[in-house]
Amino acid sequence: MIVDPITFFIVAACFLLFAIFSMVRLGLGPTAGDRIVALDTINTLVVAGMVVLAAAYNEVIFVDIAIIYALLSFVGTLYVARYLEGGL
């Protein structure tokens, strides 16, 4: 299946727009929880962007890197959430 390159550009532009919205929330978030959710959203968008790059360049290594990044992001989010709960 051949996908038009403009499709990848549109998807990347949408991810960038959503990341900008998340960065605004990261800066303006009234609570630490809001900031953590915004940061986790940005991390998720980065992982999705890596998967789109893997499809655009037809390279499997980008998917492997995205999986590792997602796991590290998840562990980091759990660590910060536990810290905010006072469990450390």
PDB file of N, CA and C in Angstrom:
ATOM      1  N   MET A   1       0.840  -1.176   0.000  1.00  0.00           N
ATOM      2  CA  MET A   1       0.000   0.000   0.000  1.00  0.00           C
ATOM      3  C   MET A   1       0.884   1.238   0.000  1.00  0.00           C
ATOM      4  N   ILE A   2       0.685   2.102  -0.948  1.00  0.00           N
ATOM      5  CA  ILE A   2       1.465   3.331  -1.066  1.00  0.00           C
ATOM      6  C   ILE A   2       0.659   4.477  -0.474  1.00  0.00           C
ATOM      7  N   VAL A   3       1.277   5.194   0.453  1.00  0.00           N
ATOM      8  CA  VAL A   3       0.622   6.319   1.112  1.00  0.00           C
ATOM      9  C   VAL A   3       1.263   7.602   0.606  1.00  0.00           C
ATOM     10  N   ASP A   4       0.436   8.576   0.347  1.00  0.00           N
ATOM     11  CA  ASP A   4       0.906   9.859  -0.139  1.00  0.00           C
ATOM     12  C   ASP A   4       1.753  10.547   0.939  1.00  0.00           C
ATOM     13  N   PRO A   5       2.903  11.128   0.596  1.00  0.00           N
ATOM     14  CA  PRO A   5       3.748  11.784   1.603  1.00  0.00           C
ATOM     15  C   PRO A   5       3.064  12.960   2.301  1.00  0.00           C
ATOM     16  N   ILE A   6       2.096  13.572   1.659  1.00  0.00           N
ATOM     17  CA  ILE A   6       1.396  14.689   2.297  1.00  0.00           C
ATOM     18  C   ILE A   6       0.610  14.216   3.523  1.00  0.00           C
ATOM     19  N   THR A   7       0.221  12.952   3.521  1.00  0.00           N
ATOM     20  CA  THR A   7      -0.492  12.396   4.667  1.00  0.00           C
ATOM     21  C   THR A   7       0.390  12.414   5.910  1.00  0.00           C
ATOM     22  N   PHE A   8       1.648  12.042   5.763  1.00  0.00           N
ATOM     23  CA  PHE A   8       2.564  12.068   6.897  1.00  0.00           C
ATOM     24  C   PHE A   8       2.801  13.494   7.381  1.00  0.00           C
ATOM     25  N   PHE A   9       2.845  14.448   6.442  1.00  0.00           N
ATOM     26  CA  PHE A   9       3.022  15.849   6.824  1.00  0.00           C
ATOM     27  C   PHE A   9       1.822  16.352   7.612  1.00  0.00           C
ATOM     28  N   ILE A  10       0.622  15.981   7.200  1.00  0.00           N
ATOM     29  CA  ILE A  10      -0.587  16.415   7.909  1.00  0.00           C
ATOM     30  C   ILE A  10      -0.632  15.814   9.310  1.00  0.00           C
ATOM     31  N   VAL A  11      -0.287  14.541   9.426  1.00  0.00           N
ATOM     32  CA  VAL A  11      -0.278  13.890  10.737  1.00  0.00           C
ATOM     33  C   VAL A  11       0.771  14.534  11.646  1.00  0.00           C
ATOM     34  N   ALA A  12       1.957  14.804  11.104  1.00  0.00           N
ATOM     35  CA  ALA A  12       3.010  15.443  11.903  1.00  0.00           C
ATOM     36  C   ALA A  12       2.594  16.846  12.332  1.00  0.00           C
ATOM     37  N   ALA A  13       1.913  17.571  11.467  1.00  0.00           N
ATOM     38  CA  ALA A  13       1.439  18.916  11.817  1.00  0.00           C
ATOM     39  C   ALA A  13       0.397  18.851  12.932  1.00  0.00           C
ATOM     40  N   CYS A  14      -0.475  17.862  12.887  1.00  0.00           N
ATOM     41  CA  CYS A  14      -1.467  17.699  13.955  1.00  0.00           C
ATOM     42  C   CYS A  14      -0.786  17.365  15.279  1.00  0.00           C
ATOM     43  N   PHE A  15       0.204  16.473  15.230  1.00  0.00           N
ATOM     44  CA  PHE A  15       0.942  16.139  16.453  1.00  0.00           C
ATOM     45  C   PHE A  15       1.642  17.371  17.018  1.00  0.00           C
ATOM     46  N   LEU A  16       2.208  18.198  16.150  1.00  0.00           N
ATOM     47  CA  LEU A  16       2.869  19.417  16.602  1.00  0.00           C
ATOM     48  C   LEU A  16       1.875  20.378  17.241  1.00  0.00           C
ATOM     49  N   LEU A  17       0.705  20.509  16.648  1.00  0.00           N
ATOM     50  CA  LEU A  17      -0.329  21.381  17.208  1.00  0.00           C
ATOM     51  C   LEU A  17      -0.762  20.886  18.588  1.00  0.00           C
ATOM     52  N   PHE A  18      -0.976  19.576  18.706  1.00  0.00           N
ATOM     53  CA  PHE A  18      -1.368  19.013  20.002  1.00  0.00           C
ATOM     54  C   PHE A  18      -0.250  19.166  21.037  1.00  0.00           C
ATOM     55  N   ALA A  19       0.990  19.048  20.603  1.00  0.00           N
ATOM     56  CA  ALA A  19       2.118  19.230  21.526  1.00  0.00           C
ATOM     57  C   ALA A  19       2.201  20.675  22.006  1.00  0.00           C
ATOM     58  N   ILE A  20       1.897  21.617  21.138  1.00  0.00           N
ATOM     59  CA  ILE A  20       1.891  23.030  21.548  1.00  0.00           C
ATOM     60  C   ILE A  20       0.807  23.266  22.590  1.00  0.00           C
ATOM     61  N   PHE A  21      -0.388  22.690  22.369  1.00  0.00           N
ATOM     62  CA  PHE A  21      -1.448  22.810  23.373  1.00  0.00           C
ATOM     63  C   PHE A  21      -1.017  22.202  24.709  1.00  0.00           C
ATOM     64  N   SER A  22      -0.340  21.082  24.655  1.00  0.00           N
ATOM     65  CA  SER A  22       0.124  20.435  25.884  1.00  0.00           C
ATOM     66  C   SER A  22       1.212  21.256  26.568  1.00  0.00           C
ATOM     67  N   MET A  23       2.066  21.908  25.773  1.00  0.00           N
ATOM     68  CA  MET A  23       3.102  22.760  26.366  1.00  0.00           C
ATOM     69  C   MET A  23       2.495  23.974  27.054  1.00  0.00           C
ATOM     70  N   VAL A  24       1.407  24.488  26.499  1.00  0.00           N
ATOM     71  CA  VAL A  24       0.708  25.594  27.158  1.00  0.00           C
ATOM     72  C   VAL A  24       0.157  25.125  28.499  1.00  0.00           C
ATOM     73  N   ARG A  25      -0.437  23.940  28.514  1.00  0.00           N
ATOM     74  CA  ARG A  25      -0.957  23.397  29.769  1.00  0.00           C
ATOM     75  C   ARG A  25       0.176  23.106  30.742  1.00  0.00           C
ATOM     76  N   LEU A  26       1.312  22.686  30.212  1.00  0.00           N
ATOM     77  CA  LEU A  26       2.474  22.410  31.059  1.00  0.00           C
ATOM     78  C   LEU A  26       2.944  23.682  31.752  1.00  0.00           C
ATOM     79  N   GLY A  27       2.903  24.786  31.044  1.00  0.00           N
ATOM     80  CA  GLY A  27       3.343  26.047  31.630  1.00  0.00           C
ATOM     81  C   GLY A  27       2.305  26.700  32.520  1.00  0.00           C
ATOM     82  N   LEU A  28       1.029  26.550  32.177  1.00  0.00           N
ATOM     83  CA  LEU A  28      -0.027  27.253  32.904  1.00  0.00           C
ATOM     84  C   LEU A  28      -0.752  26.393  33.933  1.00  0.00           C
ATOM     85  N   GLY A  29      -0.469  25.103  33.943  1.00  0.00           N
ATOM     86  CA  GLY A  29      -1.202  24.192  34.826  1.00  0.00           C
ATOM     87  C   GLY A  29      -1.233  24.671  36.260  1.00  0.00           C
ATOM     88  N   PRO A  30      -2.411  24.776  36.847  1.00  0.00           N
ATOM     89  CA  PRO A  30      -2.479  25.285  38.221  1.00  0.00           C
ATOM     90  C   PRO A  30      -1.932  24.299  39.254  1.00  0.00           C
ATOM     91  N   THR A  31      -1.978  23.019  38.964  1.00  0.00           N
ATOM     92  CA  THR A  31      -1.479  22.044  39.938  1.00  0.00           C
ATOM     93  C   THR A  31      -0.367  21.211  39.310  1.00  0.00           C
ATOM     94  N   ALA A  32       0.356  20.539  40.162  1.00  0.00           N
ATOM     95  CA  ALA A  32       1.431  19.668  39.681  1.00  0.00           C
ATOM     96  C   ALA A  32       0.866  18.488  38.894  1.00  0.00           C
ATOM     97  N   GLY A  33      -0.311  18.027  39.263  1.00  0.00           N
ATOM     98  CA  GLY A  33      -0.941  16.929  38.539  1.00  0.00           C
ATOM     99  C   GLY A  33      -1.246  17.301  37.095  1.00  0.00           C
ATOM    100  N   ASP A  34      -1.724  18.537  36.882  1.00  0.00           N
ATOM    101  CA  ASP A  34      -1.989  19.005  35.522  1.00  0.00           C
ATOM    102  C   ASP A  34      -0.706  19.044  34.698  1.00  0.00           C
ATOM    103  N   ARG A  35       0.353  19.465  35.316  1.00  0.00           N
ATOM    104  CA  ARG A  35       1.637  19.536  34.607  1.00  0.00           C
ATOM    105  C   ARG A  35       2.160  18.146  34.251  1.00  0.00           C
ATOM    106  N   ILE A  36       1.976  17.198  35.156  1.00  0.00           N
ATOM    107  CA  ILE A  36       2.428  15.834  34.890  1.00  0.00           C
ATOM    108  C   ILE A  36       1.616  15.205  33.766  1.00  0.00           C
ATOM    109  N   VAL A  37       0.314  15.442  33.750  1.00  0.00           N
ATOM    110  CA  VAL A  37      -0.529  14.908  32.672  1.00  0.00           C
ATOM    111  C   VAL A  37      -0.133  15.534  31.339  1.00  0.00           C
ATOM    112  N   ALA A  38       0.171  16.823  31.340  1.00  0.00           N
ATOM    113  CA  ALA A  38       0.598  17.487  30.105  1.00  0.00           C
ATOM    114  C   ALA A  38       1.928  16.919  29.615  1.00  0.00           C
ATOM    115  N   LEU A  39       2.852  16.688  30.522  1.00  0.00           N
ATOM    116  CA  LEU A  39       4.139  16.112  30.139  1.00  0.00           C
ATOM    117  C   LEU A  39       3.976  14.688  29.610  1.00  0.00           C
ATOM    118  N   ASP A  40       3.096  13.913  30.223  1.00  0.00           N
ATOM    119  CA  ASP A  40       2.845  12.556  29.749  1.00  0.00           C
ATOM    120  C   ASP A  40       2.174  12.580  28.376  1.00  0.00           C
ATOM    121  N   THR A  41       1.320  13.560  28.140  1.00  0.00           N
ATOM    122  CA  THR A  41       0.693  13.705  26.827  1.00  0.00           C
ATOM    123  C   THR A  41       1.736  14.026  25.762  1.00  0.00           C
ATOM    124  N   ILE A  42       2.679  14.897  26.095  1.00  0.00           N
ATOM    125  CA  ILE A  42       3.752  15.221  25.150  1.00  0.00           C
ATOM    126  C   ILE A  42       4.587  13.977  24.854  1.00  0.00           C
ATOM    127  N   ASN A  43       4.882  13.198  25.889  1.00  0.00           N
ATOM    128  CA  ASN A  43       5.642  11.959  25.679  1.00  0.00           C
ATOM    129  C   ASN A  43       4.880  10.987  24.776  1.00  0.00           C
ATOM    130  N   THR A  44       3.578  10.897  24.955  1.00  0.00           N
ATOM    131  CA  THR A  44       2.767  10.029  24.105  1.00  0.00           C
ATOM    132  C   THR A  44       2.774  10.517  22.662  1.00  0.00           C
ATOM    133  N   LEU A  45       2.722  11.831  22.472  1.00  0.00           N
ATOM    134  CA  LEU A  45       2.779  12.384  21.120  1.00  0.00           C
ATOM    135  C   LEU A  45       4.131  12.127  20.466  1.00  0.00           C
ATOM    136  N   VAL A  46       5.194  12.155  21.253  1.00  0.00           N
ATOM    137  CA  VAL A  46       6.521  11.843  20.708  1.00  0.00           C
ATOM    138  C   VAL A  46       6.581  10.385  20.251  1.00  0.00           C
ATOM    139  N   VAL A  47       6.017   9.487  21.050  1.00  0.00           N
ATOM    140  CA  VAL A  47       5.992   8.071  20.671  1.00  0.00           C
ATOM    141  C   VAL A  47       5.174   7.878  19.394  1.00  0.00           C
ATOM    142  N   ALA A  48       4.033   8.520  19.323  1.00  0.00           N
ATOM    143  CA  ALA A  48       3.204   8.415  18.118  1.00  0.00           C
ATOM    144  C   ALA A  48       3.930   8.997  16.912  1.00  0.00           C
ATOM    145  N   GLY A  49       4.669  10.085  17.111  1.00  0.00           N
ATOM    146  CA  GLY A  49       5.448  10.668  16.021  1.00  0.00           C
ATOM    147  C   GLY A  49       6.532   9.732  15.536  1.00  0.00           C
ATOM    148  N   MET A  50       7.155   9.003  16.458  1.00  0.00           N
ATOM    149  CA  MET A  50       8.171   8.024  16.056  1.00  0.00           C
ATOM    150  C   MET A  50       7.570   6.897  15.230  1.00  0.00           C
ATOM    151  N   VAL A  51       6.370   6.478  15.590  1.00  0.00           N
ATOM    152  CA  VAL A  51       5.704   5.429  14.826  1.00  0.00           C
ATOM    153  C   VAL A  51       5.343   5.933  13.431  1.00  0.00           C
ATOM    154  N   VAL A  52       4.908   7.193  13.339  1.00  0.00           N
ATOM    155  CA  VAL A  52       4.610   7.777  12.028  1.00  0.00           C
ATOM    156  C   VAL A  52       5.888   7.886  11.197  1.00  0.00           C
ATOM    157  N   LEU A  53       6.995   8.270  11.831  1.00  0.00           N
ATOM    158  CA  LEU A  53       8.267   8.303  11.110  1.00  0.00           C
ATOM    159  C   LEU A  53       8.668   6.913  10.619  1.00  0.00           C
ATOM    160  N   ALA A  54       8.411   5.913  11.438  1.00  0.00           N
ATOM    161  CA  ALA A  54       8.723   4.542  11.024  1.00  0.00           C
ATOM    162  C   ALA A  54       7.928   4.158   9.788  1.00  0.00           C
ATOM    163  N   ALA A  55       6.678   4.583   9.755  1.00  0.00           N
ATOM    164  CA  ALA A  55       5.866   4.281   8.575  1.00  0.00           C
ATOM    165  C   ALA A  55       6.302   5.100   7.371  1.00  0.00           C
ATOM    166  N   ALA A  56       6.678   6.347   7.610  1.00  0.00           N
ATOM    167  CA  ALA A  56       7.060   7.223   6.498  1.00  0.00           C
ATOM    168  C   ALA A  56       8.369   6.775   5.856  1.00  0.00           C
ATOM    169  N   TYR A  57       9.347   6.402   6.667  1.00  0.00           N
ATOM    170  CA  TYR A  57      10.648   5.997   6.144  1.00  0.00           C
ATOM    171  C   TYR A  57      10.785   4.487   5.956  1.00  0.00           C
ATOM    172  N   ASN A  58       9.736   3.758   6.330  1.00  0.00           N
ATOM    173  CA  ASN A  58       9.730   2.310   6.196  1.00  0.00           C
ATOM    174  C   ASN A  58      10.917   1.669   6.934  1.00  0.00           C
ATOM    175  N   GLU A  59      11.136   2.137   8.169  1.00  0.00           N
ATOM    176  CA  GLU A  59      12.220   1.644   9.028  1.00  0.00           C
ATOM    177  C   GLU A  59      11.621   1.096  10.323  1.00  0.00           C
ATOM    178  N   VAL A  60      11.965  -0.123  10.660  1.00  0.00           N
ATOM    179  CA  VAL A  60      11.424  -0.771  11.849  1.00  0.00           C
ATOM    180  C   VAL A  60      12.137  -0.295  13.113  1.00  0.00           C
ATOM    181  N   ILE A  61      13.344   0.195  12.998  1.00  0.00           N
ATOM    182  CA  ILE A  61      14.122   0.602  14.166  1.00  0.00           C
ATOM    183  C   ILE A  61      13.444   1.740  14.923  1.00  0.00           C
ATOM    184  N   PHE A  62      12.705   2.594  14.207  1.00  0.00           N
ATOM    185  CA  PHE A  62      11.998   3.684  14.876  1.00  0.00           C
ATOM    186  C   PHE A  62      10.909   3.150  15.805  1.00  0.00           C
ATOM    187  N   VAL A  63      10.285   2.060  15.445  1.00  0.00           N
ATOM    188  CA  VAL A  63       9.263   1.455  16.302  1.00  0.00           C
ATOM    189  C   VAL A  63       9.911   0.891  17.555  1.00  0.00           C
ATOM    190  N   ASP A  64      11.065   0.265  17.411  1.00  0.00           N
ATOM    191  CA  ASP A  64      11.773  -0.257  18.576  1.00  0.00           C
ATOM    192  C   ASP A  64      12.162   0.863  19.538  1.00  0.00           C
ATOM    193  N   ILE A  65      12.654   1.947  18.990  1.00  0.00           N
ATOM    194  CA  ILE A  65      13.018   3.093  19.823  1.00  0.00           C
ATOM    195  C   ILE A  65      11.782   3.685  20.487  1.00  0.00           C
ATOM    196  N   ALA A  66      10.673   3.733  19.764  1.00  0.00           N
ATOM    197  CA  ALA A  66       9.428   4.268  20.333  1.00  0.00           C
ATOM    198  C   ALA A  66       8.942   3.410  21.496  1.00  0.00           C
ATOM    199  N   ILE A  67       9.093   2.095  21.377  1.00  0.00           N
ATOM    200  CA  ILE A  67       8.668   1.209  22.466  1.00  0.00           C
ATOM    201  C   ILE A  67       9.529   1.428  23.706  1.00  0.00           C
ATOM    202  N   ILE A  68      10.824   1.546  23.528  1.00  0.00           N
ATOM    203  CA  ILE A  68      11.725   1.796  24.662  1.00  0.00           C
ATOM    204  C   ILE A  68      11.402   3.146  25.301  1.00  0.00           C
ATOM    205  N   TYR A  69      11.195   4.166  24.469  1.00  0.00           N
ATOM    206  CA  TYR A  69      10.870   5.498  24.990  1.00  0.00           C
ATOM    207  C   TYR A  69       9.550   5.476  25.743  1.00  0.00           C
ATOM    208  N   ALA A  70       8.559   4.748  25.237  1.00  0.00           N
ATOM    209  CA  ALA A  70       7.265   4.661  25.921  1.00  0.00           C
ATOM    210  C   ALA A  70       7.406   3.985  27.278  1.00  0.00           C
ATOM    211  N   LEU A  71       8.219   2.928  27.348  1.00  0.00           N
ATOM    212  CA  LEU A  71       8.427   2.250  28.633  1.00  0.00           C
ATOM    213  C   LEU A  71       9.118   3.164  29.640  1.00  0.00           C
ATOM    214  N   LEU A  72      10.142   3.877  29.201  1.00  0.00           N
ATOM    215  CA  LEU A  72      10.830   4.803  30.099  1.00  0.00           C
ATOM    216  C   LEU A  72       9.917   5.941  30.538  1.00  0.00           C
ATOM    217  N   SER A  73       9.103   6.422  29.632  1.00  0.00           N
ATOM    218  CA  SER A  73       8.159   7.488  29.959  1.00  0.00           C
ATOM    219  C   SER A  73       7.136   6.999  30.984  1.00  0.00           C
ATOM    220  N   PHE A  74       6.657   5.783  30.810  1.00  0.00           N
ATOM    221  CA  PHE A  74       5.684   5.225  31.740  1.00  0.00           C
ATOM    222  C   PHE A  74       6.274   5.077  33.140  1.00  0.00           C
ATOM    223  N   VAL A  75       7.481   4.557  33.216  1.00  0.00           N
ATOM    224  CA  VAL A  75       8.129   4.384  34.516  1.00  0.00           C
ATOM    225  C   VAL A  75       8.378   5.754  35.164  1.00  0.00           C
ATOM    226  N   GLY A  76       8.793   6.727  34.379  1.00  0.00           N
ATOM    227  CA  GLY A  76       9.008   8.070  34.915  1.00  0.00           C
ATOM    228  C   GLY A  76       7.728   8.696  35.431  1.00  0.00           C
ATOM    229  N   THR A  77       6.640   8.500  34.717  1.00  0.00           N
ATOM    230  CA  THR A  77       5.354   9.033  35.159  1.00  0.00           C
ATOM    231  C   THR A  77       4.902   8.362  36.450  1.00  0.00           C
ATOM    232  N   LEU A  78       5.100   7.054  36.552  1.00  0.00           N
ATOM    233  CA  LEU A  78       4.747   6.366  37.793  1.00  0.00           C
ATOM    234  C   LEU A  78       5.575   6.866  38.975  1.00  0.00           C
ATOM    235  N   TYR A  79       6.851   7.105  38.729  1.00  0.00           N
ATOM    236  CA  TYR A  79       7.728   7.588  39.791  1.00  0.00           C
ATOM    237  C   TYR A  79       7.277   8.966  40.277  1.00  0.00           C
ATOM    238  N   VAL A  80       6.976   9.861  39.355  1.00  0.00           N
ATOM    239  CA  VAL A  80       6.549  11.213  39.734  1.00  0.00           C
ATOM    240  C   VAL A  80       5.181  11.171  40.409  1.00  0.00           C
ATOM    241  N   ALA A  81       4.277  10.327  39.935  1.00  0.00           N
ATOM    242  CA  ALA A  81       2.959  10.210  40.560  1.00  0.00           C
ATOM    243  C   ALA A  81       3.082   9.691  41.994  1.00  0.00           C
ATOM    244  N   ARG A  82       3.977   8.738  42.185  1.00  0.00           N
ATOM    245  CA  ARG A  82       4.175   8.223  43.547  1.00  0.00           C
ATOM    246  C   ARG A  82       4.788   9.299  44.443  1.00  0.00           C
ATOM    247  N   TYR A  83       5.680  10.098  43.882  1.00  0.00           N
ATOM    248  CA  TYR A  83       6.270  11.191  44.656  1.00  0.00           C
ATOM    249  C   TYR A  83       5.220  12.223  45.056  1.00  0.00           C
ATOM    250  N   LEU A  84       4.321  12.538  44.118  1.00  0.00           N
ATOM    251  CA  LEU A  84       3.273  13.518  44.425  1.00  0.00           C
ATOM    252  C   LEU A  84       2.279  12.993  45.465  1.00  0.00           C
ATOM    253  N   GLU A  85       2.092  11.683  45.510  1.00  0.00           N
ATOM    254  CA  GLU A  85       1.217  11.095  46.505  1.00  0.00           C
ATOM    255  C   GLU A  85       1.855  11.070  47.888  1.00  0.00           C
ATOM    256  N   GLY A  86       3.162  11.246  47.934  1.00  0.00           N
ATOM    257  CA  GLY A  86       3.856  11.221  49.219  1.00  0.00           C
ATOM    258  C   GLY A  86       4.334   9.835  49.597  1.00  0.00           C
ATOM    259  N   GLY A  87       4.448   8.947  48.620  1.00  0.00           N
ATOM    260  CA  GLY A  87       4.826   7.565  48.914  1.00  0.00           C
ATOM    261  C   GLY A  87       6.312   7.321  48.969  1.00  0.00           C
ATOM    262  N   LEU A  88       7.134   8.323  48.659  1.00  0.00           N
ATOM    263  CA  LEU A  88       8.574   8.096  48.669  1.00  0.00           C
ATOM    264  C   LEU A  88       9.182   8.488  49.990  1.00  0.00           C
TER     265      LEU A  88
END
